[in-house]
N, C-alpha and C. Protein backbone atom coordinates (compact mmCIF):
# COMPACT_ATOMS: atom_id res chain seq x y z
N MET A 1 0.31 167.77 117.36
CA MET A 1 0.03 167.25 118.34
C MET A 1 0.68 167.47 119.62
N PRO A 2 0.70 167.60 120.70
CA PRO A 2 1.49 168.14 121.70
C PRO A 2 2.01 166.54 122.33
N ASP A 3 3.03 166.58 122.64
CA ASP A 3 4.04 165.66 123.17
C ASP A 3 4.15 164.95 124.25
N SER A 4 3.88 165.85 125.23
CA SER A 4 3.74 166.02 126.74
C SER A 4 2.60 166.69 127.24
N LEU A 5 2.55 166.28 128.52
CA LEU A 5 1.65 166.99 129.42
C LEU A 5 1.93 168.73 129.55
N SER A 6 2.96 168.91 129.44
CA SER A 6 3.61 170.50 129.63
C SER A 6 3.14 170.93 128.83
N GLN A 7 3.20 170.57 127.64
CA GLN A 7 3.11 171.29 126.28
C GLN A 7 1.27 171.24 126.02
N LEU A 8 0.93 170.60 126.94
CA LEU A 8 -1.27 170.40 126.71
C LEU A 8 -1.31 171.43 127.27
N ILE A 9 -0.77 171.97 128.54
CA ILE A 9 -1.30 173.07 129.63
C ILE A 9 -1.49 174.02 128.64
N PRO A 10 -0.72 175.00 128.24
CA PRO A 10 -1.21 175.94 127.64
C PRO A 10 -2.47 175.81 126.81
N ASP A 11 -2.60 174.65 126.13
CA ASP A 11 -3.87 174.26 124.99
C ASP A 11 -4.83 174.77 126.21
N ILE A 12 -5.10 173.82 127.22
CA ILE A 12 -6.21 173.63 128.08
C ILE A 12 -6.18 175.26 128.32
N GLN A 13 -5.52 175.51 128.79
CA GLN A 13 -5.62 177.27 129.40
C GLN A 13 -6.25 178.07 128.80
N VAL A 14 -6.06 177.84 127.32
CA VAL A 14 -6.50 178.80 126.30
C VAL A 14 -8.26 178.15 126.20
N ALA A 15 -8.39 177.14 125.81
CA ALA A 15 -9.86 176.85 125.81
C ALA A 15 -10.35 176.53 127.25
N ILE A 16 -10.00 176.88 128.36
CA ILE A 16 -11.15 177.44 129.42
C ILE A 16 -11.07 178.50 129.86
N GLY A 17 -10.91 179.59 129.11
CA GLY A 17 -11.12 181.00 129.55
C GLY A 17 -12.62 181.60 129.28
N PRO A 18 -13.13 180.91 128.14
CA PRO A 18 -14.47 181.18 128.11
C PRO A 18 -15.83 180.52 129.03
N VAL A 19 -14.94 179.85 129.93
CA VAL A 19 -15.75 178.99 130.70
C VAL A 19 -16.36 180.38 132.27
N ILE A 20 -15.56 181.29 131.82
CA ILE A 20 -16.03 182.65 132.84
C ILE A 20 -17.16 182.72 132.52
N LEU A 21 -17.71 183.10 131.04
CA LEU A 21 -18.58 183.63 130.50
C LEU A 21 -19.86 182.76 130.48
N ILE A 22 -19.44 181.34 130.62
CA ILE A 22 -20.51 180.23 131.07
C ILE A 22 -20.80 180.32 132.61
N SER A 23 -20.49 180.50 133.32
CA SER A 23 -19.90 180.76 134.80
C SER A 23 -21.30 182.05 134.74
N GLY A 24 -20.98 183.33 134.49
CA GLY A 24 -21.89 184.21 134.05
C GLY A 24 -23.00 184.04 133.82
N VAL A 25 -23.16 183.46 132.54
CA VAL A 25 -24.81 183.27 132.09
C VAL A 25 -25.21 182.38 133.15
N GLY A 26 -24.96 181.29 133.16
CA GLY A 26 -25.40 180.64 134.43
C GLY A 26 -26.04 181.18 135.93
N LEU A 27 -25.80 182.15 136.08
CA LEU A 27 -26.24 182.99 137.29
C LEU A 27 -27.57 183.90 136.44
N LEU A 28 -27.10 184.52 135.49
CA LEU A 28 -28.39 184.95 134.72
C LEU A 28 -29.32 184.31 134.61
N LEU A 29 -28.75 183.07 133.90
CA LEU A 29 -30.00 181.63 133.97
C LEU A 29 -31.07 181.37 135.21
N LEU A 30 -29.95 181.17 136.38
CA LEU A 30 -30.79 181.08 137.82
C LEU A 30 -31.67 182.13 138.11
N THR A 31 -31.59 183.13 137.71
CA THR A 31 -32.38 184.45 137.86
C THR A 31 -33.62 184.35 136.97
N MET A 32 -32.98 184.31 136.07
CA MET A 32 -34.67 184.14 134.67
C MET A 32 -35.36 182.91 135.23
N THR A 33 -34.63 181.69 135.45
CA THR A 33 -35.33 180.75 135.67
C THR A 33 -36.36 180.56 136.87
N ASN A 34 -36.01 181.58 137.84
CA ASN A 34 -36.73 181.78 139.30
C ASN A 34 -37.48 182.70 138.87
N ARG A 35 -37.39 183.79 138.10
CA ARG A 35 -38.73 184.81 137.96
C ARG A 35 -39.73 184.05 137.00
N TYR A 36 -39.06 182.98 136.01
CA TYR A 36 -40.29 182.17 135.15
C TYR A 36 -41.03 181.90 136.06
N GLY A 37 -40.56 180.77 137.28
CA GLY A 37 -41.26 179.74 137.90
C GLY A 37 -42.05 180.73 138.83
N ARG A 38 -41.92 182.05 139.42
CA ARG A 38 -43.03 183.00 139.79
C ARG A 38 -43.74 183.33 139.01
N ILE A 39 -43.77 183.77 138.00
CA ILE A 39 -44.59 183.96 137.22
C ILE A 39 -45.43 182.83 136.60
N ILE A 40 -45.44 181.54 136.68
CA ILE A 40 -46.04 180.30 136.18
C ILE A 40 -47.08 180.68 137.63
N ASP A 41 -46.38 180.82 138.87
CA ASP A 41 -47.09 180.56 140.01
C ASP A 41 -48.25 181.50 140.35
N ARG A 42 -47.67 182.50 139.85
CA ARG A 42 -48.92 183.71 139.97
C ARG A 42 -49.85 183.64 139.05
N CYS A 43 -49.82 182.89 137.56
CA CYS A 43 -50.36 182.38 136.75
C CYS A 43 -51.79 181.26 137.21
N ARG A 44 -50.86 180.23 137.86
CA ARG A 44 -51.83 179.17 138.60
C ARG A 44 -52.57 180.06 139.42
N HIS A 45 -52.47 180.44 140.61
CA HIS A 45 -53.44 181.22 141.42
C HIS A 45 -54.02 182.10 140.83
N LEU A 46 -53.97 182.81 139.65
CA LEU A 46 -54.97 183.85 139.28
C LEU A 46 -55.78 183.09 138.30
N ALA A 47 -55.38 181.99 137.99
CA ALA A 47 -56.43 181.40 137.11
C ALA A 47 -57.28 179.99 138.20
N VAL A 48 -57.23 179.75 139.37
CA VAL A 48 -57.97 179.51 139.80
C VAL A 48 -58.90 180.35 140.69
N GLU A 49 -58.43 181.69 140.87
CA GLU A 49 -59.40 183.01 141.63
C GLU A 49 -60.16 183.45 140.38
N ALA A 50 -59.77 183.65 139.37
CA ALA A 50 -61.03 183.99 138.02
C ALA A 50 -62.04 183.53 137.93
N PRO A 51 -62.50 182.37 137.96
CA PRO A 51 -63.43 181.77 137.32
C PRO A 51 -64.92 182.05 138.89
N ALA A 52 -64.10 182.40 139.62
CA ALA A 52 -65.12 182.79 140.93
C ALA A 52 -65.02 184.09 141.19
N ALA A 53 -64.61 184.90 140.40
CA ALA A 53 -64.60 186.74 140.51
C ALA A 53 -65.43 187.22 139.82
N HIS A 54 -66.42 187.90 140.29
CA HIS A 54 -67.68 188.56 139.38
C HIS A 54 -66.73 190.17 139.14
N GLY A 55 -67.48 190.50 138.26
CA GLY A 55 -67.38 191.84 137.62
C GLY A 55 -66.19 192.50 137.66
N THR A 56 -65.86 193.49 137.80
CA THR A 56 -64.70 194.13 137.88
C THR A 56 -63.04 193.57 138.08
N ASP A 57 -63.62 192.55 139.36
CA ASP A 57 -62.49 191.86 140.22
C ASP A 57 -62.21 190.87 139.14
N ARG A 58 -63.03 190.04 138.12
CA ARG A 58 -62.72 189.19 137.35
C ARG A 58 -62.43 189.51 136.15
N VAL A 59 -62.58 191.09 135.43
CA VAL A 59 -61.99 191.50 134.44
C VAL A 59 -60.54 191.83 134.65
N ARG A 60 -60.16 192.19 136.06
CA ARG A 60 -58.83 192.51 136.34
C ARG A 60 -57.93 191.42 136.75
N LYS A 61 -58.53 190.63 136.91
CA LYS A 61 -57.76 189.23 137.11
C LYS A 61 -57.10 188.60 135.26
N LEU A 62 -58.24 188.53 134.61
CA LEU A 62 -58.28 188.16 133.21
C LEU A 62 -57.39 189.15 132.70
N THR A 63 -57.09 190.44 132.82
CA THR A 63 -56.17 191.18 132.84
C THR A 63 -54.62 190.73 132.82
N GLN A 64 -54.64 190.58 134.24
CA GLN A 64 -53.22 189.90 134.79
C GLN A 64 -52.79 188.84 134.36
N LEU A 65 -53.95 188.16 133.74
CA LEU A 65 -53.72 186.84 133.37
C LEU A 65 -52.60 186.66 131.96
N THR A 66 -53.91 188.00 130.87
CA THR A 66 -53.15 188.17 129.69
C THR A 66 -51.48 188.86 129.89
N ILE A 67 -51.46 189.78 130.68
CA ILE A 67 -49.98 190.40 131.30
C ILE A 67 -49.34 189.34 131.52
N LEU A 68 -49.39 188.35 132.45
CA LEU A 68 -48.44 187.77 132.54
C LEU A 68 -47.86 186.31 131.68
N SER A 69 -49.11 185.79 131.00
CA SER A 69 -48.92 185.25 129.66
C SER A 69 -47.75 185.64 128.56
N ARG A 70 -48.36 187.02 128.32
CA ARG A 70 -47.13 187.72 127.35
C ARG A 70 -45.66 187.90 128.14
N ARG A 71 -45.53 187.95 129.32
CA ARG A 71 -44.24 188.22 130.33
C ARG A 71 -43.80 186.72 129.92
N LEU A 72 -44.47 185.55 130.21
CA LEU A 72 -43.90 184.05 129.88
C LEU A 72 -43.27 183.67 128.98
N ARG A 73 -44.06 184.11 128.13
CA ARG A 73 -43.51 184.19 126.27
C ARG A 73 -42.24 184.99 126.16
N ILE A 74 -41.95 186.25 126.93
CA ILE A 74 -40.77 187.11 126.71
C ILE A 74 -39.78 186.55 127.60
N MET A 75 -40.03 186.02 128.71
CA MET A 75 -39.14 185.25 129.31
C MET A 75 -38.40 183.91 128.93
N ARG A 76 -39.55 182.97 128.41
CA ARG A 76 -39.39 181.77 127.74
C ARG A 76 -37.92 182.09 126.68
N SER A 77 -38.21 183.37 125.93
CA SER A 77 -37.61 183.47 124.68
C SER A 77 -35.85 184.18 125.31
N SER A 78 -35.82 184.82 126.45
CA SER A 78 -34.79 185.32 127.45
C SER A 78 -33.96 183.95 127.75
N ILE A 79 -34.71 182.89 128.52
CA ILE A 79 -34.06 181.90 128.73
C ILE A 79 -33.59 180.92 127.45
N PHE A 80 -34.10 180.92 126.49
CA PHE A 80 -33.91 180.21 125.41
C PHE A 80 -32.44 180.75 124.69
N LEU A 81 -32.23 181.94 124.50
CA LEU A 81 -31.07 182.55 124.00
C LEU A 81 -30.19 182.71 124.99
N ALA A 82 -30.50 182.98 126.08
CA ALA A 82 -29.09 182.69 127.06
C ALA A 82 -28.75 181.58 127.06
N THR A 83 -29.72 180.54 127.10
CA THR A 83 -28.74 178.89 126.75
C THR A 83 -28.36 178.59 125.68
N LEU A 84 -28.93 179.07 124.58
CA LEU A 84 -27.84 178.96 123.37
C LEU A 84 -26.99 180.11 123.14
N CYS A 85 -26.67 181.02 124.05
CA CYS A 85 -25.19 181.49 124.39
C CYS A 85 -24.17 180.50 125.06
N VAL A 86 -24.79 179.76 126.22
CA VAL A 86 -23.91 178.95 126.92
C VAL A 86 -23.69 177.77 125.56
N LEU A 87 -24.47 176.81 125.02
CA LEU A 87 -24.17 176.29 123.70
C LEU A 87 -23.01 176.91 122.49
N PHE A 88 -22.90 178.09 122.25
CA PHE A 88 -22.07 178.38 121.53
C PHE A 88 -20.83 178.80 122.27
N VAL A 89 -20.90 179.20 123.49
CA VAL A 89 -19.45 179.49 124.22
C VAL A 89 -18.66 177.73 124.25
N SER A 90 -19.57 177.04 124.81
CA SER A 90 -19.42 175.57 124.75
C SER A 90 -18.32 175.04 123.29
N LEU A 91 -19.23 175.24 122.61
CA LEU A 91 -18.88 175.10 121.20
C LEU A 91 -17.36 176.13 120.58
N LEU A 92 -17.33 176.99 121.30
CA LEU A 92 -15.88 177.83 121.00
C LEU A 92 -15.30 176.70 121.73
N ILE A 93 -15.43 176.82 123.10
CA ILE A 93 -14.00 175.93 123.85
C ILE A 93 -13.50 174.52 123.26
N ILE A 94 -14.97 173.82 122.87
CA ILE A 94 -14.04 172.38 121.90
C ILE A 94 -13.49 172.87 120.86
N VAL A 95 -13.82 174.41 120.06
CA VAL A 95 -13.20 174.51 118.83
C VAL A 95 -11.56 175.33 119.39
N LEU A 96 -11.23 175.74 120.07
CA LEU A 96 -10.36 176.32 120.67
C LEU A 96 -9.50 175.35 121.33
N PHE A 97 -9.81 174.66 121.90
CA PHE A 97 -9.12 173.43 122.31
C PHE A 97 -8.72 172.15 121.68
N LEU A 98 -9.36 172.11 120.33
CA LEU A 98 -9.11 171.18 119.20
C LEU A 98 -8.06 172.00 118.40
N ALA A 99 -8.60 173.18 117.94
CA ALA A 99 -7.52 174.06 117.11
C ALA A 99 -5.95 174.29 117.82
N SER A 100 -5.85 174.06 118.83
CA SER A 100 -4.61 174.27 119.73
C SER A 100 -4.08 173.30 119.60
N MET A 101 -4.94 172.20 120.00
CA MET A 101 -3.99 170.87 119.92
C MET A 101 -3.88 170.35 118.63
N LEU A 102 -4.33 170.72 117.43
CA LEU A 102 -4.04 170.28 116.15
C LEU A 102 -3.22 171.16 115.47
N ARG A 103 -2.95 172.21 115.94
CA ARG A 103 -2.29 173.66 115.37
C ARG A 103 -2.62 173.58 114.29
N ALA A 104 -3.93 174.13 114.45
CA ALA A 104 -5.05 174.28 112.91
C ALA A 104 -5.41 175.62 113.40
N GLN A 105 -5.93 176.36 112.06
CA GLN A 105 -6.48 177.34 111.79
C GLN A 105 -7.58 177.46 111.82
N ALA A 106 -8.49 177.92 113.15
CA ALA A 106 -9.99 177.76 113.28
C ALA A 106 -10.53 179.63 113.62
N THR A 107 -9.90 180.42 112.94
CA THR A 107 -10.10 182.03 113.36
C THR A 107 -11.70 182.35 112.94
N TRP A 108 -11.88 181.82 111.77
CA TRP A 108 -13.41 181.98 111.77
C TRP A 108 -14.23 181.62 112.42
N LEU A 109 -13.96 180.52 112.60
CA LEU A 109 -15.22 179.40 113.26
C LEU A 109 -14.88 179.98 115.10
N VAL A 110 -13.72 180.19 115.58
CA VAL A 110 -14.19 181.00 116.79
C VAL A 110 -14.79 182.41 116.78
N VAL A 111 -14.23 183.21 115.98
CA VAL A 111 -15.27 184.46 116.09
C VAL A 111 -16.48 183.98 115.86
N SER A 112 -16.63 183.40 114.97
CA SER A 112 -18.27 183.08 114.39
C SER A 112 -19.08 182.38 115.75
N PHE A 113 -18.65 181.83 116.38
CA PHE A 113 -18.89 181.07 117.66
C PHE A 113 -19.38 182.34 118.65
N PHE A 114 -17.91 183.03 118.99
CA PHE A 114 -17.75 183.89 120.11
C PHE A 114 -19.11 185.32 119.89
N VAL A 115 -19.22 185.54 118.45
CA VAL A 115 -20.28 186.78 118.26
C VAL A 115 -21.53 186.13 118.22
N ALA A 116 -22.11 184.79 118.04
CA ALA A 116 -23.00 184.21 117.73
C ALA A 116 -23.31 184.21 119.56
N ALA A 117 -22.32 183.71 120.41
CA ALA A 117 -22.88 183.89 121.80
C ALA A 117 -22.91 184.77 122.18
N LEU A 118 -22.20 186.54 122.03
CA LEU A 118 -22.66 187.46 122.71
C LEU A 118 -23.72 188.04 121.81
N ILE A 119 -24.22 188.00 120.56
CA ILE A 119 -25.57 188.33 120.09
C ILE A 119 -26.59 187.48 120.90
N CYS A 120 -26.48 186.43 121.40
CA CYS A 120 -27.26 185.77 121.99
C CYS A 120 -27.82 186.03 123.42
N LEU A 121 -26.21 186.66 123.95
CA LEU A 121 -26.39 187.14 125.36
C LEU A 121 -27.12 188.86 125.39
N ILE A 122 -27.03 189.16 124.32
CA ILE A 122 -27.19 190.49 124.26
C ILE A 122 -29.00 190.55 124.10
N LEU A 123 -29.79 189.95 123.07
CA LEU A 123 -30.86 189.69 123.25
C LEU A 123 -31.48 189.20 124.23
N SER A 124 -30.78 188.21 124.90
CA SER A 124 -31.60 187.70 126.35
C SER A 124 -31.95 188.60 127.29
N LEU A 125 -30.57 189.39 126.98
CA LEU A 125 -30.56 190.86 128.21
C LEU A 125 -32.07 191.70 127.83
N ILE A 126 -32.07 191.89 126.37
CA ILE A 126 -32.85 192.90 125.75
C ILE A 126 -34.22 192.00 126.42
N ALA A 127 -34.58 191.29 126.57
CA ALA A 127 -36.17 190.31 126.35
C ALA A 127 -36.04 190.42 128.04
N PHE A 128 -34.96 190.06 128.85
CA PHE A 128 -35.27 190.34 130.35
C PHE A 128 -35.75 191.51 130.69
N MET A 129 -35.04 192.63 130.22
CA MET A 129 -35.53 194.10 130.36
C MET A 129 -36.72 194.13 129.96
N ARG A 130 -37.22 193.91 129.23
CA ARG A 130 -38.55 193.89 128.56
C ARG A 130 -39.39 193.51 129.57
N ASP A 131 -39.61 192.12 130.13
CA ASP A 131 -40.29 191.12 131.33
C ASP A 131 -40.16 192.69 132.47
N ILE A 132 -38.94 192.91 132.63
CA ILE A 132 -39.09 193.97 134.03
C ILE A 132 -39.72 194.90 133.56
N HIS A 133 -39.75 195.77 132.58
CA HIS A 133 -40.25 196.95 132.08
C HIS A 133 -42.22 196.42 132.05
N ILE A 134 -42.38 195.40 131.52
CA ILE A 134 -43.71 195.01 131.55
C ILE A 134 -44.31 194.59 133.00
N SER A 135 -43.24 194.22 133.74
CA SER A 135 -43.99 193.97 134.86
C SER A 135 -44.20 195.18 135.91
N LEU A 136 -43.25 196.37 135.35
CA LEU A 136 -43.33 197.65 136.25
C LEU A 136 -45.03 198.53 135.64
N VAL A 137 -45.23 198.14 134.36
CA VAL A 137 -46.36 198.31 133.53
C VAL A 137 -47.59 197.91 134.36
N ALA A 138 -47.27 196.77 134.30
CA ALA A 138 -48.45 196.11 135.43
C ALA A 138 -48.73 196.16 136.50
N VAL A 139 -47.72 196.30 137.38
CA VAL A 139 -48.05 196.98 139.02
C VAL A 139 -48.70 198.17 138.69
N GLU A 140 -48.50 199.43 138.31
CA GLU A 140 -48.71 200.60 138.19
C GLU A 140 -50.21 200.65 137.46
N LEU A 141 -51.01 199.63 136.46
CA LEU A 141 -52.19 199.69 136.13
C LEU A 141 -52.84 199.19 137.27
N GLU A 142 -52.24 198.09 138.13
CA GLU A 142 -53.14 197.50 138.93
C GLU A 142 -52.97 198.50 140.01
N LEU A 143 -52.45 199.29 140.65
CA LEU A 143 -52.52 200.33 141.24
C LEU A 143 -53.51 201.57 140.87
N ARG A 144 -53.55 201.88 139.59
CA ARG A 144 -54.55 202.61 139.08
C ARG A 144 -55.87 202.14 138.88
N GLN A 145 -56.27 200.87 139.03
CA GLN A 145 -57.56 200.28 138.75
C GLN A 145 -57.72 200.15 140.42
N GLU A 146 -56.97 199.93 141.55
CA GLU A 146 -57.28 200.19 142.89
C GLU A 146 -57.48 201.09 143.40
N ASP A 147 -56.85 202.41 142.63
CA ASP A 147 -57.52 203.92 143.08
C ASP A 147 -58.72 204.00 142.43
N ALA A 148 -58.77 203.66 141.43
CA ALA A 148 -60.34 204.22 140.65
C ALA A 148 -61.15 203.08 141.26
N GLY A 149 -61.24 201.96 141.64
CA GLY A 149 -62.17 201.29 142.95
C GLY A 149 -62.25 201.67 143.92
N SER A 150 -61.59 202.26 144.84
CA SER A 150 -61.69 202.80 146.03
C SER A 150 -62.68 204.53 145.64
N GLU A 151 -62.34 205.01 144.84
CA GLU A 151 -63.22 206.36 144.51
C GLU A 151 -64.65 205.89 144.70
């Protein structure tokens, strides 16, 4: 255990390094939750419109709702994984700080939390890219349906 404040400062510096990762993931979470909210708003709008629609218009709205529902599940997974990443980084900071303060060996614990955080971040980003891909496919489907309807 450090005897003075000057000995404590390097321990704090070591533990604070991963906070940069939390800041970056926080910005990703902001983007993801905004996207999630927009998808929910669109679902609510279509859910109100769909019962009054008839024929091909109703089928189109129900198809859009199905696609949006799938996107919501993907975005929920992406947000969950990014949040889990922040949790692992937070635990990493605590372990780094305590190990440094107590002069204890916690190598495997530090490595485990860091790797778990990065795996969660990678999986979150893959899910996010999947949502972006599905949204593009949905727009292309909508455009094809519009072209078919205008002919």
